[in-house]
């Protein structure tokens, strides 16, 4: 898979014209939330999405970023990608944790650190 950063000859994926609108735009993320709510069945997950706090927006931003850079390719079991640190930084600056603690990425089989 040819990465967007290579296609656009960028130093960092956050420089791409599509980064802000797909990852940091609240209106786009709210639209994504509506779409996800159609598929999420577990009550606790629905409640988290409906909460609309910074944690919710961080989740939506990471989700939308991965969908964008993977060009819609479905990720999941056996295909998880770690979000590059520069992207994590932008998302955490936009929607900081109230207590300064973040979950982080548990483990990865593949990496997109080079984005």
C-alpha atoms as a PDB file:
ATOM      1  CA  UNK A   1       0.000   0.000   0.000  1.00  0.00           C
ATOM      2  CA  UNK A   2       1.459   3.353  -0.988  1.00  0.00           C
ATOM      3  CA  UNK A   3       1.102   5.764   1.907  1.00  0.00           C
ATOM      4  CA  UNK A   4      -0.425   9.219   1.508  1.00  0.00           C
ATOM      5  CA  UNK A   5       2.721  10.797   2.882  1.00  0.00           C
ATOM      6  CA  UNK A   6       4.679   9.275   0.001  1.00  0.00           C
ATOM      7  CA  UNK A   7       2.051  10.248  -2.561  1.00  0.00           C
ATOM      8  CA  UNK A   8       2.118  13.881  -1.447  1.00  0.00           C
ATOM      9  CA  UNK A   9       5.865  14.040  -0.637  1.00  0.00           C
ATOM     10  CA  UNK A  10       5.241  15.270   2.919  1.00  0.00           C
ATOM     11  CA  UNK A  11       7.431  15.140   6.021  1.00  0.00           C
ATOM     12  CA  UNK A  12       4.443  14.425   8.280  1.00  0.00           C
ATOM     13  CA  UNK A  13       0.882  13.276   7.613  1.00  0.00           C
ATOM     14  CA  UNK A  14      -0.414  16.233   9.664  1.00  0.00           C
ATOM     15  CA  UNK A  15       0.767  18.496   6.784  1.00  0.00           C
ATOM     16  CA  UNK A  16      -1.674  16.810   4.371  1.00  0.00           C
ATOM     17  CA  UNK A  17      -4.646  18.965   3.294  1.00  0.00           C
ATOM     18  CA  UNK A  18      -6.993  16.197   4.404  1.00  0.00           C
ATOM     19  CA  UNK A  19      -5.707  15.888   7.968  1.00  0.00           C
ATOM     20  CA  UNK A  20      -7.577  18.768   9.627  1.00  0.00           C
ATOM     21  CA  UNK A  21     -10.963  18.164   7.980  1.00  0.00           C
ATOM     22  CA  UNK A  22     -10.968  14.406   8.559  1.00  0.00           C
ATOM     23  CA  UNK A  23      -9.341  14.284  11.983  1.00  0.00           C
ATOM     24  CA  UNK A  24      -9.871  17.585  13.798  1.00  0.00           C
ATOM     25  CA  UNK A  25     -13.170  18.944  12.436  1.00  0.00           C
ATOM     26  CA  UNK A  26     -15.924  18.600  15.066  1.00  0.00           C
ATOM     27  CA  UNK A  27     -18.699  18.621  12.455  1.00  0.00           C
ATOM     28  CA  UNK A  28     -17.121  15.762  10.512  1.00  0.00           C
ATOM     29  CA  UNK A  29     -16.589  13.818  13.743  1.00  0.00           C
ATOM     30  CA  UNK A  30     -20.204  14.370  14.802  1.00  0.00           C
ATOM     31  CA  UNK A  31     -21.313  12.954  11.455  1.00  0.00           C
ATOM     32  CA  UNK A  32     -19.055   9.955  12.058  1.00  0.00           C
ATOM     33  CA  UNK A  33     -20.616   9.561  15.509  1.00  0.00           C
ATOM     34  CA  UNK A  34     -24.113   9.345  13.996  1.00  0.00           C
ATOM     35  CA  UNK A  35     -22.886   6.663  11.595  1.00  0.00           C
ATOM     36  CA  UNK A  36     -21.196   4.656  14.363  1.00  0.00           C
ATOM     37  CA  UNK A  37     -24.300   4.824  16.552  1.00  0.00           C
ATOM     38  CA  UNK A  38     -26.175   2.899  13.851  1.00  0.00           C
ATOM     39  CA  UNK A  39     -23.815  -0.069  14.290  1.00  0.00           C
ATOM     40  CA  UNK A  40     -22.876  -0.024  17.970  1.00  0.00           C
ATOM     41  CA  UNK A  41     -25.079  -2.412  19.953  1.00  0.00           C
ATOM     42  CA  UNK A  42     -23.486  -2.407  23.401  1.00  0.00           C
ATOM     43  CA  UNK A  43     -25.162   0.113  25.724  1.00  0.00           C
ATOM     44  CA  UNK A  44     -21.934   1.214  27.392  1.00  0.00           C
ATOM     45  CA  UNK A  45     -20.333   1.980  24.001  1.00  0.00           C
ATOM     46  CA  UNK A  46     -23.420   3.920  22.889  1.00  0.00           C
ATOM     47  CA  UNK A  47     -23.353   5.927  26.127  1.00  0.00           C
ATOM     48  CA  UNK A  48     -19.678   6.777  25.608  1.00  0.00           C
ATOM     49  CA  UNK A  49     -20.377   7.995  22.067  1.00  0.00           C
ATOM     50  CA  UNK A  50     -23.374  10.038  23.172  1.00  0.00           C
ATOM     51  CA  UNK A  51     -21.444  11.645  26.022  1.00  0.00           C
ATOM     52  CA  UNK A  52     -19.742  14.060  23.636  1.00  0.00           C
ATOM     53  CA  UNK A  53     -16.816  14.866  25.924  1.00  0.00           C
ATOM     54  CA  UNK A  54     -13.128  15.142  25.016  1.00  0.00           C
ATOM     55  CA  UNK A  55     -12.664  11.380  25.384  1.00  0.00           C
ATOM     56  CA  UNK A  56     -15.425  10.820  22.830  1.00  0.00           C
ATOM     57  CA  UNK A  57     -13.867  13.253  20.370  1.00  0.00           C
ATOM     58  CA  UNK A  58     -10.418  11.710  20.793  1.00  0.00           C
ATOM     59  CA  UNK A  59     -11.897   8.290  20.011  1.00  0.00           C
ATOM     60  CA  UNK A  60     -13.733   9.658  16.960  1.00  0.00           C
ATOM     61  CA  UNK A  61     -10.627  11.526  15.756  1.00  0.00           C
ATOM     62  CA  UNK A  62      -8.453   8.398  15.968  1.00  0.00           C
ATOM     63  CA  UNK A  63     -11.172   6.344  14.280  1.00  0.00           C
ATOM     64  CA  UNK A  64     -11.631   8.820  11.440  1.00  0.00           C
ATOM     65  CA  UNK A  65      -7.880   9.273  10.989  1.00  0.00           C
ATOM     66  CA  UNK A  66      -7.369   5.524  10.562  1.00  0.00           C
ATOM     67  CA  UNK A  67     -10.261   5.271   8.116  1.00  0.00           C
ATOM     68  CA  UNK A  68      -8.834   8.178   6.134  1.00  0.00           C
ATOM     69  CA  UNK A  69      -5.214   6.994   5.910  1.00  0.00           C
ATOM     70  CA  UNK A  70      -6.259   3.419   5.170  1.00  0.00           C
ATOM     71  CA  UNK A  71      -8.604   4.707   2.476  1.00  0.00           C
ATOM     72  CA  UNK A  72     -11.615   3.020   4.019  1.00  0.00           C
ATOM     73  CA  UNK A  73      -9.992  -0.403   4.357  1.00  0.00           C
ATOM     74  CA  UNK A  74     -11.575  -2.196   7.280  1.00  0.00           C
ATOM     75  CA  UNK A  75      -9.296  -2.650  10.264  1.00  0.00           C
ATOM     76  CA  UNK A  76      -9.859  -4.970  13.178  1.00  0.00           C
ATOM     77  CA  UNK A  77      -8.658  -8.329  14.454  1.00  0.00           C
ATOM     78  CA  UNK A  78      -5.309  -9.108  12.869  1.00  0.00           C
ATOM     79  CA  UNK A  79      -5.035  -5.671  11.239  1.00  0.00           C
ATOM     80  CA  UNK A  80      -4.493  -2.919  13.792  1.00  0.00           C
ATOM     81  CA  UNK A  81      -2.391   0.129  13.078  1.00  0.00           C
ATOM     82  CA  UNK A  82      -0.734   2.399  15.597  1.00  0.00           C
ATOM     83  CA  UNK A  83      -1.445   6.105  15.199  1.00  0.00           C
ATOM     84  CA  UNK A  84       1.744   8.144  14.611  1.00  0.00           C
ATOM     85  CA  UNK A  85       2.903  10.212  17.625  1.00  0.00           C
ATOM     86  CA  UNK A  86       2.513  13.492  15.708  1.00  0.00           C
ATOM     87  CA  UNK A  87      -1.187  12.718  15.121  1.00  0.00           C
ATOM     88  CA  UNK A  88      -1.683  11.691  18.751  1.00  0.00           C
ATOM     89  CA  UNK A  89      -0.155  15.035  19.795  1.00  0.00           C
ATOM     90  CA  UNK A  90      -2.565  17.052  17.628  1.00  0.00           C
ATOM     91  CA  UNK A  91      -5.593  15.100  18.847  1.00  0.00           C
ATOM     92  CA  UNK A  92      -4.601  15.361  22.509  1.00  0.00           C
ATOM     93  CA  UNK A  93      -3.970  19.100  22.190  1.00  0.00           C
ATOM     94  CA  UNK A  94      -7.419  19.598  20.654  1.00  0.00           C
ATOM     95  CA  UNK A  95      -9.250  17.352  23.156  1.00  0.00           C
ATOM     96  CA  UNK A  96      -7.119  17.012  26.301  1.00  0.00           C
ATOM     97  CA  UNK A  97      -7.868  14.556  29.084  1.00  0.00           C
ATOM     98  CA  UNK A  98      -9.256  16.224  32.200  1.00  0.00           C
ATOM     99  CA  UNK A  99      -6.866  14.294  34.437  1.00  0.00           C
ATOM    100  CA  UNK A 100      -3.918  14.183  32.028  1.00  0.00           C
ATOM    101  CA  UNK A 101      -4.108  10.393  31.711  1.00  0.00           C
ATOM    102  CA  UNK A 102      -4.526   8.659  28.366  1.00  0.00           C
ATOM    103  CA  UNK A 103      -5.109   5.020  27.467  1.00  0.00           C
ATOM    104  CA  UNK A 104      -2.605   4.859  24.634  1.00  0.00           C
ATOM    105  CA  UNK A 105      -2.253   2.035  22.154  1.00  0.00           C
ATOM    106  CA  UNK A 106      -2.108  -1.441  23.713  1.00  0.00           C
ATOM    107  CA  UNK A 107      -0.346  -3.400  20.995  1.00  0.00           C
ATOM    108  CA  UNK A 108       0.127  -3.481  17.260  1.00  0.00           C
ATOM    109  CA  UNK A 109       0.789  -6.004  14.547  1.00  0.00           C
ATOM    110  CA  UNK A 110       1.668  -3.387  11.931  1.00  0.00           C
ATOM    111  CA  UNK A 111       2.726   0.209  12.233  1.00  0.00           C
ATOM    112  CA  UNK A 112       2.136   3.411  10.346  1.00  0.00           C
ATOM    113  CA  UNK A 113       4.721   5.353  12.349  1.00  0.00           C
ATOM    114  CA  UNK A 114       6.294   6.448   9.096  1.00  0.00           C
ATOM    115  CA  UNK A 115       3.241   8.500   8.171  1.00  0.00           C
END
